[in-house]
């Protein structure tokens, strides 16, 4: 399906739904295709910590009240 920019603006939710069920949606300006809507696909490579994966399991233990107080003393905060 090809629609104008104005149609896309007025019917965005309908076009998104059409894209999600597999329909190709092209947005055109002056009859010339400018943009193709495609469903978002997350990158599987960004879901892990890389070489640090599993090595920072105790990081929450560093944020204790004692640590906060020490940081406060170092920076002159009460």
PDB file of N, CA and C in Angstrom:
ATOM      1  N   UNK A   1       0.852  -1.152   0.000  1.00  0.00           N
ATOM      2  CA  UNK A   1       0.000   0.000   0.000  1.00  0.00           C
ATOM      3  C   UNK A   1       0.908   1.227   0.000  1.00  0.00           C
ATOM      4  N   UNK A   2       0.561   2.198  -0.803  1.00  0.00           N
ATOM      5  CA  UNK A   2       1.291   3.456  -0.843  1.00  0.00           C
ATOM      6  C   UNK A   2       0.348   4.582  -0.451  1.00  0.00           C
ATOM      7  N   UNK A   3       0.795   5.435   0.469  1.00  0.00           N
ATOM      8  CA  UNK A   3      -0.022   6.544   0.931  1.00  0.00           C
ATOM      9  C   UNK A   3       0.814   7.820   0.890  1.00  0.00           C
ATOM     10  N   UNK A   4       0.114   8.950   0.853  1.00  0.00           N
ATOM     11  CA  UNK A   4       0.816  10.231   0.895  1.00  0.00           C
ATOM     12  C   UNK A   4       1.215  10.548   2.333  1.00  0.00           C
ATOM     13  N   UNK A   5       2.059  11.542   2.489  1.00  0.00           N
ATOM     14  CA  UNK A   5       2.486  11.954   3.820  1.00  0.00           C
ATOM     15  C   UNK A   5       1.281  12.404   4.642  1.00  0.00           C
ATOM     16  N   UNK A   6       0.374  13.146   4.029  1.00  0.00           N
ATOM     17  CA  UNK A   6      -0.815  13.609   4.741  1.00  0.00           C
ATOM     18  C   UNK A   6      -1.683  12.436   5.185  1.00  0.00           C
ATOM     19  N   UNK A   7      -1.879  11.452   4.301  1.00  0.00           N
ATOM     20  CA  UNK A   7      -2.646  10.261   4.676  1.00  0.00           C
ATOM     21  C   UNK A   7      -1.955   9.504   5.813  1.00  0.00           C
ATOM     22  N   UNK A   8      -0.632   9.410   5.729  1.00  0.00           N
ATOM     23  CA  UNK A   8       0.124   8.710   6.776  1.00  0.00           C
ATOM     24  C   UNK A   8      -0.039   9.413   8.111  1.00  0.00           C
ATOM     25  N   UNK A   9      -0.016  10.737   8.084  1.00  0.00           N
ATOM     26  CA  UNK A   9      -0.192  11.505   9.306  1.00  0.00           C
ATOM     27  C   UNK A   9      -1.562  11.249   9.921  1.00  0.00           C
ATOM     28  N   UNK A  10      -2.578  11.203   9.092  1.00  0.00           N
ATOM     29  CA  UNK A  10      -3.949  11.034   9.580  1.00  0.00           C
ATOM     30  C   UNK A  10      -4.307   9.599   9.937  1.00  0.00           C
ATOM     31  N   UNK A  11      -3.558   8.626   9.412  1.00  0.00           N
ATOM     32  CA  UNK A  11      -3.904   7.215   9.607  1.00  0.00           C
ATOM     33  C   UNK A  11      -2.734   6.398  10.144  1.00  0.00           C
ATOM     34  N   UNK A  12      -1.881   7.022  10.936  1.00  0.00           N
ATOM     35  CA  UNK A  12      -0.667   6.345  11.384  1.00  0.00           C
ATOM     36  C   UNK A  12      -0.949   5.031  12.111  1.00  0.00           C
ATOM     37  N   UNK A  13      -1.887   5.022  13.043  1.00  0.00           N
ATOM     38  CA  UNK A  13      -2.142   3.788  13.797  1.00  0.00           C
ATOM     39  C   UNK A  13      -2.617   2.670  12.875  1.00  0.00           C
ATOM     40  N   UNK A  14      -3.430   2.990  11.886  1.00  0.00           N
ATOM     41  CA  UNK A  14      -3.900   1.987  10.917  1.00  0.00           C
ATOM     42  C   UNK A  14      -2.722   1.455  10.102  1.00  0.00           C
ATOM     43  N   UNK A  15      -1.813   2.329   9.704  1.00  0.00           N
ATOM     44  CA  UNK A  15      -0.651   1.907   8.915  1.00  0.00           C
ATOM     45  C   UNK A  15       0.298   1.047   9.738  1.00  0.00           C
ATOM     46  N   UNK A  16       0.462   1.389  11.007  1.00  0.00           N
ATOM     47  CA  UNK A  16       1.311   0.577  11.883  1.00  0.00           C
ATOM     48  C   UNK A  16       0.727  -0.825  12.018  1.00  0.00           C
ATOM     49  N   UNK A  17      -0.574  -0.916  12.236  1.00  0.00           N
ATOM     50  CA  UNK A  17      -1.224  -2.229  12.349  1.00  0.00           C
ATOM     51  C   UNK A  17      -1.070  -3.027  11.062  1.00  0.00           C
ATOM     52  N   UNK A  18      -1.215  -2.364   9.920  1.00  0.00           N
ATOM     53  CA  UNK A  18      -1.056  -3.052   8.630  1.00  0.00           C
ATOM     54  C   UNK A  18       0.365  -3.588   8.484  1.00  0.00           C
ATOM     55  N   UNK A  19       1.340  -2.796   8.906  1.00  0.00           N
ATOM     56  CA  UNK A  19       2.735  -3.229   8.830  1.00  0.00           C
ATOM     57  C   UNK A  19       2.979  -4.437   9.718  1.00  0.00           C
ATOM     58  N   UNK A  20       2.382  -4.440  10.905  1.00  0.00           N
ATOM     59  CA  UNK A  20       2.597  -5.532  11.849  1.00  0.00           C
ATOM     60  C   UNK A  20       2.022  -6.853  11.377  1.00  0.00           C
ATOM     61  N   UNK A  21       1.009  -6.810  10.510  1.00  0.00           N
ATOM     62  CA  UNK A  21       0.440  -8.060   9.982  1.00  0.00           C
ATOM     63  C   UNK A  21       1.067  -8.447   8.643  1.00  0.00           C
ATOM     64  N   UNK A  22       2.115  -7.728   8.235  1.00  0.00           N
ATOM     65  CA  UNK A  22       2.865  -8.137   7.063  1.00  0.00           C
ATOM     66  C   UNK A  22       2.643  -7.327   5.804  1.00  0.00           C
ATOM     67  N   UNK A  23       1.788  -6.336   5.843  1.00  0.00           N
ATOM     68  CA  UNK A  23       1.550  -5.530   4.652  1.00  0.00           C
ATOM     69  C   UNK A  23       2.666  -4.506   4.491  1.00  0.00           C
ATOM     70  N   UNK A  24       3.115  -4.329   3.265  1.00  0.00           N
ATOM     71  CA  UNK A  24       4.137  -3.322   2.988  1.00  0.00           C
ATOM     72  C   UNK A  24       3.478  -1.952   2.903  1.00  0.00           C
ATOM     73  N   UNK A  25       4.021  -0.986   3.623  1.00  0.00           N
ATOM     74  CA  UNK A  25       3.472   0.364   3.628  1.00  0.00           C
ATOM     75  C   UNK A  25       4.565   1.324   3.166  1.00  0.00           C
ATOM     76  N   UNK A  26       4.263   2.049   2.094  1.00  0.00           N
ATOM     77  CA  UNK A  26       5.179   3.038   1.546  1.00  0.00           C
ATOM     78  C   UNK A  26       4.549   4.413   1.716  1.00  0.00           C
ATOM     79  N   UNK A  27       5.337   5.359   2.205  1.00  0.00           N
ATOM     80  CA  UNK A  27       4.867   6.738   2.318  1.00  0.00           C
ATOM     81  C   UNK A  27       5.533   7.531   1.201  1.00  0.00           C
ATOM     82  N   UNK A  28       4.695   8.224   0.437  1.00  0.00           N
ATOM     83  CA  UNK A  28       5.192   8.943  -0.740  1.00  0.00           C
ATOM     84  C   UNK A  28       4.955  10.440  -0.600  1.00  0.00           C
ATOM     85  N   UNK A  29       5.784  11.190  -1.289  1.00  0.00           N
ATOM     86  CA  UNK A  29       5.631  12.638  -1.371  1.00  0.00           C
ATOM     87  C   UNK A  29       5.622  12.998  -2.845  1.00  0.00           C
ATOM     88  N   UNK A  30       4.571  13.680  -3.269  1.00  0.00           N
ATOM     89  CA  UNK A  30       4.402  14.021  -4.688  1.00  0.00           C
ATOM     90  C   UNK A  30       4.454  12.786  -5.582  1.00  0.00           C
ATOM     91  N   UNK A  31       3.898  11.683  -5.083  1.00  0.00           N
ATOM     92  CA  UNK A  31       3.841  10.446  -5.858  1.00  0.00           C
ATOM     93  C   UNK A  31       5.129   9.652  -5.878  1.00  0.00           C
ATOM     94  N   UNK A  32       6.168  10.140  -5.248  1.00  0.00           N
ATOM     95  CA  UNK A  32       7.459   9.447  -5.242  1.00  0.00           C
ATOM     96  C   UNK A  32       7.701   8.833  -3.867  1.00  0.00           C
ATOM     97  N   UNK A  33       7.978   7.527  -3.841  1.00  0.00           N
ATOM     98  CA  UNK A  33       8.193   6.810  -2.586  1.00  0.00           C
ATOM     99  C   UNK A  33       9.346   7.436  -1.810  1.00  0.00           C
ATOM    100  N   UNK A  34       9.118   7.672  -0.512  1.00  0.00           N
ATOM    101  CA  UNK A  34      10.127   8.284   0.342  1.00  0.00           C
ATOM    102  C   UNK A  34      10.527   7.375   1.506  1.00  0.00           C
ATOM    103  N   UNK A  35       9.537   6.689   2.093  1.00  0.00           N
ATOM    104  CA  UNK A  35       9.780   5.916   3.313  1.00  0.00           C
ATOM    105  C   UNK A  35       9.000   4.613   3.241  1.00  0.00           C
ATOM    106  N   UNK A  36       9.622   3.545   3.779  1.00  0.00           N
ATOM    107  CA  UNK A  36       8.926   2.265   3.899  1.00  0.00           C
ATOM    108  C   UNK A  36       8.839   1.933   5.377  1.00  0.00           C
ATOM    109  N   UNK A  37       7.623   1.665   5.860  1.00  0.00           N
ATOM    110  CA  UNK A  37       7.440   1.266   7.255  1.00  0.00           C
ATOM    111  C   UNK A  37       7.739  -0.216   7.389  1.00  0.00           C
ATOM    112  N   UNK A  38       8.492  -0.543   8.414  1.00  0.00           N
ATOM    113  CA  UNK A  38       8.804  -1.948   8.694  1.00  0.00           C
ATOM    114  C   UNK A  38       8.658  -2.190  10.186  1.00  0.00           C
ATOM    115  N   UNK A  39       8.295  -3.402  10.592  1.00  0.00           N
ATOM    116  CA  UNK A  39       8.206  -3.697  12.026  1.00  0.00           C
ATOM    117  C   UNK A  39       9.589  -3.619  12.663  1.00  0.00           C
ATOM    118  N   UNK A  40       9.639  -3.217  13.912  1.00  0.00           N
ATOM    119  CA  UNK A  40      10.887  -3.134  14.657  1.00  0.00           C
ATOM    120  C   UNK A  40      11.322  -4.535  15.068  1.00  0.00           C
ATOM    121  N   UNK A  41      12.585  -4.825  14.877  1.00  0.00           N
ATOM    122  CA  UNK A  41      13.152  -6.100  15.320  1.00  0.00           C
ATOM    123  C   UNK A  41      14.361  -5.783  16.183  1.00  0.00           C
ATOM    124  N   UNK A  42      14.315  -6.182  17.446  1.00  0.00           N
ATOM    125  CA  UNK A  42      15.432  -5.891  18.341  1.00  0.00           C
ATOM    126  C   UNK A  42      16.647  -6.714  17.950  1.00  0.00           C
ATOM    127  N   UNK A  43      17.795  -6.158  18.209  1.00  0.00           N
ATOM    128  CA  UNK A  43      19.046  -6.830  17.897  1.00  0.00           C
ATOM    129  C   UNK A  43      19.398  -7.808  19.009  1.00  0.00           C
ATOM    130  N   UNK A  44      19.578  -9.092  18.676  1.00  0.00           N
ATOM    131  CA  UNK A  44      19.894 -10.060  19.724  1.00  0.00           C
ATOM    132  C   UNK A  44      21.267  -9.827  20.347  1.00  0.00           C
ATOM    133  N   UNK A  45      22.154  -9.105  19.658  1.00  0.00           N
ATOM    134  CA  UNK A  45      23.490  -8.876  20.172  1.00  0.00           C
ATOM    135  C   UNK A  45      23.544  -7.871  21.303  1.00  0.00           C
ATOM    136  N   UNK A  46      22.466  -7.147  21.573  1.00  0.00           N
ATOM    137  CA  UNK A  46      22.495  -6.129  22.605  1.00  0.00           C
ATOM    138  C   UNK A  46      21.830  -6.586  23.898  1.00  0.00           C
ATOM    139  N   UNK A  47      21.556  -7.847  24.037  1.00  0.00           N
ATOM    140  CA  UNK A  47      20.843  -8.347  25.208  1.00  0.00           C
ATOM    141  C   UNK A  47      21.769  -8.941  26.261  1.00  0.00           C
ATOM    142  N   UNK A  48      23.047  -8.792  26.119  1.00  0.00           N
ATOM    143  CA  UNK A  48      23.963  -9.375  27.093  1.00  0.00           C
ATOM    144  C   UNK A  48      25.020  -8.354  27.481  1.00  0.00           C
ATOM    145  N   UNK A  49      25.781  -8.665  28.522  1.00  0.00           N
ATOM    146  CA  UNK A  49      26.780  -7.755  29.041  1.00  0.00           C
ATOM    147  C   UNK A  49      28.147  -7.958  28.397  1.00  0.00           C
ATOM    148  N   UNK A  50      28.262  -8.839  27.439  1.00  0.00           N
ATOM    149  CA  UNK A  50      29.553  -9.072  26.802  1.00  0.00           C
ATOM    150  C   UNK A  50      30.532  -9.729  27.752  1.00  0.00           C
ATOM    151  N   UNK A  51      31.777  -9.256  27.748  1.00  0.00           N
ATOM    152  CA  UNK A  51      32.805  -9.891  28.582  1.00  0.00           C
ATOM    153  C   UNK A  51      32.560  -9.666  30.063  1.00  0.00           C
ATOM    154  N   UNK A  52      31.738  -8.676  30.434  1.00  0.00           N
ATOM    155  CA  UNK A  52      31.444  -8.405  31.839  1.00  0.00           C
ATOM    156  C   UNK A  52      30.241  -9.197  32.338  1.00  0.00           C
ATOM    157  N   UNK A  53      29.615  -9.973  31.469  1.00  0.00           N
ATOM    158  CA  UNK A  53      28.451 -10.742  31.872  1.00  0.00           C
ATOM    159  C   UNK A  53      28.750 -11.653  33.046  1.00  0.00           C
ATOM    160  N   UNK A  54      27.967 -11.540  34.099  1.00  0.00           N
ATOM    161  CA  UNK A  54      28.138 -12.388  35.265  1.00  0.00           C
ATOM    162  C   UNK A  54      29.209 -11.931  36.245  1.00  0.00           C
ATOM    163  N   UNK A  55      30.022 -10.963  35.876  1.00  0.00           N
ATOM    164  CA  UNK A  55      31.103 -10.516  36.752  1.00  0.00           C
ATOM    165  C   UNK A  55      30.677  -9.397  37.695  1.00  0.00           C
ATOM    166  N   UNK A  56      29.533  -8.807  37.479  1.00  0.00           N
ATOM    167  CA  UNK A  56      29.087  -7.676  38.291  1.00  0.00           C
ATOM    168  C   UNK A  56      27.877  -8.045  39.143  1.00  0.00           C
ATOM    169  N   UNK A  57      27.775  -9.293  39.502  1.00  0.00           N
ATOM    170  CA  UNK A  57      26.595  -9.754  40.239  1.00  0.00           C
ATOM    171  C   UNK A  57      26.455  -9.083  41.589  1.00  0.00           C
ATOM    172  N   UNK A  58      27.559  -8.674  42.233  1.00  0.00           N
ATOM    173  CA  UNK A  58      27.491  -8.093  43.557  1.00  0.00           C
ATOM    174  C   UNK A  58      27.521  -6.572  43.556  1.00  0.00           C
ATOM    175  N   UNK A  59      27.247  -5.960  42.426  1.00  0.00           N
ATOM    176  CA  UNK A  59      27.357  -4.505  42.349  1.00  0.00           C
ATOM    177  C   UNK A  59      26.388  -3.800  43.287  1.00  0.00           C
ATOM    178  N   UNK A  60      25.227  -4.362  43.549  1.00  0.00           N
ATOM    179  CA  UNK A  60      24.269  -3.738  44.458  1.00  0.00           C
ATOM    180  C   UNK A  60      24.792  -3.689  45.890  1.00  0.00           C
ATOM    181  N   UNK A  61      25.690  -4.582  46.237  1.00  0.00           N
ATOM    182  CA  UNK A  61      26.244  -4.592  47.585  1.00  0.00           C
ATOM    183  C   UNK A  61      27.133  -3.376  47.836  1.00  0.00           C
ATOM    184  N   UNK A  62      27.601  -2.734  46.785  1.00  0.00           N
ATOM    185  CA  UNK A  62      28.445  -1.547  46.926  1.00  0.00           C
ATOM    186  C   UNK A  62      27.637  -0.327  47.328  1.00  0.00           C
ATOM    187  N   UNK A  63      26.331  -0.356  47.153  1.00  0.00           N
ATOM    188  CA  UNK A  63      25.482   0.793  47.437  1.00  0.00           C
ATOM    189  C   UNK A  63      24.787   0.631  48.789  1.00  0.00           C
ATOM    190  N   UNK A  64      25.586   0.617  49.828  1.00  0.00           N
ATOM    191  CA  UNK A  64      25.053   0.506  51.184  1.00  0.00           C
ATOM    192  C   UNK A  64      24.995   1.897  51.814  1.00  0.00           C
ATOM    193  N   UNK A  65      24.352   2.000  52.958  1.00  0.00           N
ATOM    194  CA  UNK A  65      24.297   3.281  53.664  1.00  0.00           C
ATOM    195  C   UNK A  65      25.689   3.718  54.106  1.00  0.00           C
ATOM    196  N   UNK A  66      26.534   2.756  54.487  1.00  0.00           N
ATOM    197  CA  UNK A  66      27.899   3.085  54.894  1.00  0.00           C
ATOM    198  C   UNK A  66      28.675   3.679  53.716  1.00  0.00           C
ATOM    199  N   UNK A  67      28.509   3.092  52.536  1.00  0.00           N
ATOM    200  CA  UNK A  67      29.195   3.606  51.352  1.00  0.00           C
ATOM    201  C   UNK A  67      28.690   4.998  51.007  1.00  0.00           C
ATOM    202  N   UNK A  68      27.380   5.211  51.107  1.00  0.00           N
ATOM    203  CA  UNK A  68      26.815   6.542  50.847  1.00  0.00           C
ATOM    204  C   UNK A  68      27.365   7.566  51.828  1.00  0.00           C
ATOM    205  N   UNK A  69      27.479   7.184  53.104  1.00  0.00           N
ATOM    206  CA  UNK A  69      27.991   8.092  54.113  1.00  0.00           C
ATOM    207  C   UNK A  69      29.461   8.436  53.834  1.00  0.00           C
ATOM    208  N   UNK A  70      30.252   7.450  53.436  1.00  0.00           N
ATOM    209  CA  UNK A  70      31.654   7.679  53.118  1.00  0.00           C
ATOM    210  C   UNK A  70      31.802   8.614  51.929  1.00  0.00           C
ATOM    211  N   UNK A  71      31.010   8.426  50.907  1.00  0.00           N
ATOM    212  CA  UNK A  71      31.032   9.321  49.745  1.00  0.00           C
ATOM    213  C   UNK A  71      30.644  10.723  50.175  1.00  0.00           C
ATOM    214  N   UNK A  72      29.651  10.841  51.040  1.00  0.00           N
ATOM    215  CA  UNK A  72      29.239  12.131  51.558  1.00  0.00           C
ATOM    216  C   UNK A  72      30.369  12.827  52.308  1.00  0.00           C
ATOM    217  N   UNK A  73      31.092  12.065  53.131  1.00  0.00           N
ATOM    218  CA  UNK A  73      32.226  12.652  53.874  1.00  0.00           C
ATOM    219  C   UNK A  73      33.318  13.103  52.907  1.00  0.00           C
ATOM    220  N   UNK A  74      33.589  12.310  51.881  1.00  0.00           N
ATOM    221  CA  UNK A  74      34.630  12.662  50.914  1.00  0.00           C
ATOM    222  C   UNK A  74      34.314  13.939  50.154  1.00  0.00           C
ATOM    223  N   UNK A  75      33.036  14.176  49.905  1.00  0.00           N
ATOM    224  CA  UNK A  75      32.646  15.338  49.118  1.00  0.00           C
ATOM    225  C   UNK A  75      32.034  16.448  49.965  1.00  0.00           C
ATOM    226  N   UNK A  76      32.209  16.355  51.294  1.00  0.00           N
ATOM    227  CA  UNK A  76      31.771  17.422  52.183  1.00  0.00           C
ATOM    228  C   UNK A  76      30.268  17.548  52.321  1.00  0.00           C
ATOM    229  N   UNK A  77      29.540  16.474  52.082  1.00  0.00           N
ATOM    230  CA  UNK A  77      28.086  16.475  52.248  1.00  0.00           C
ATOM    231  C   UNK A  77      27.750  15.856  53.592  1.00  0.00           C
ATOM    232  N   UNK A  78      26.764  16.389  54.289  1.00  0.00           N
ATOM    233  CA  UNK A  78      26.391  15.818  55.600  1.00  0.00           C
ATOM    234  C   UNK A  78      25.740  14.460  55.470  1.00  0.00           C
TER     235      UNK A  78
END
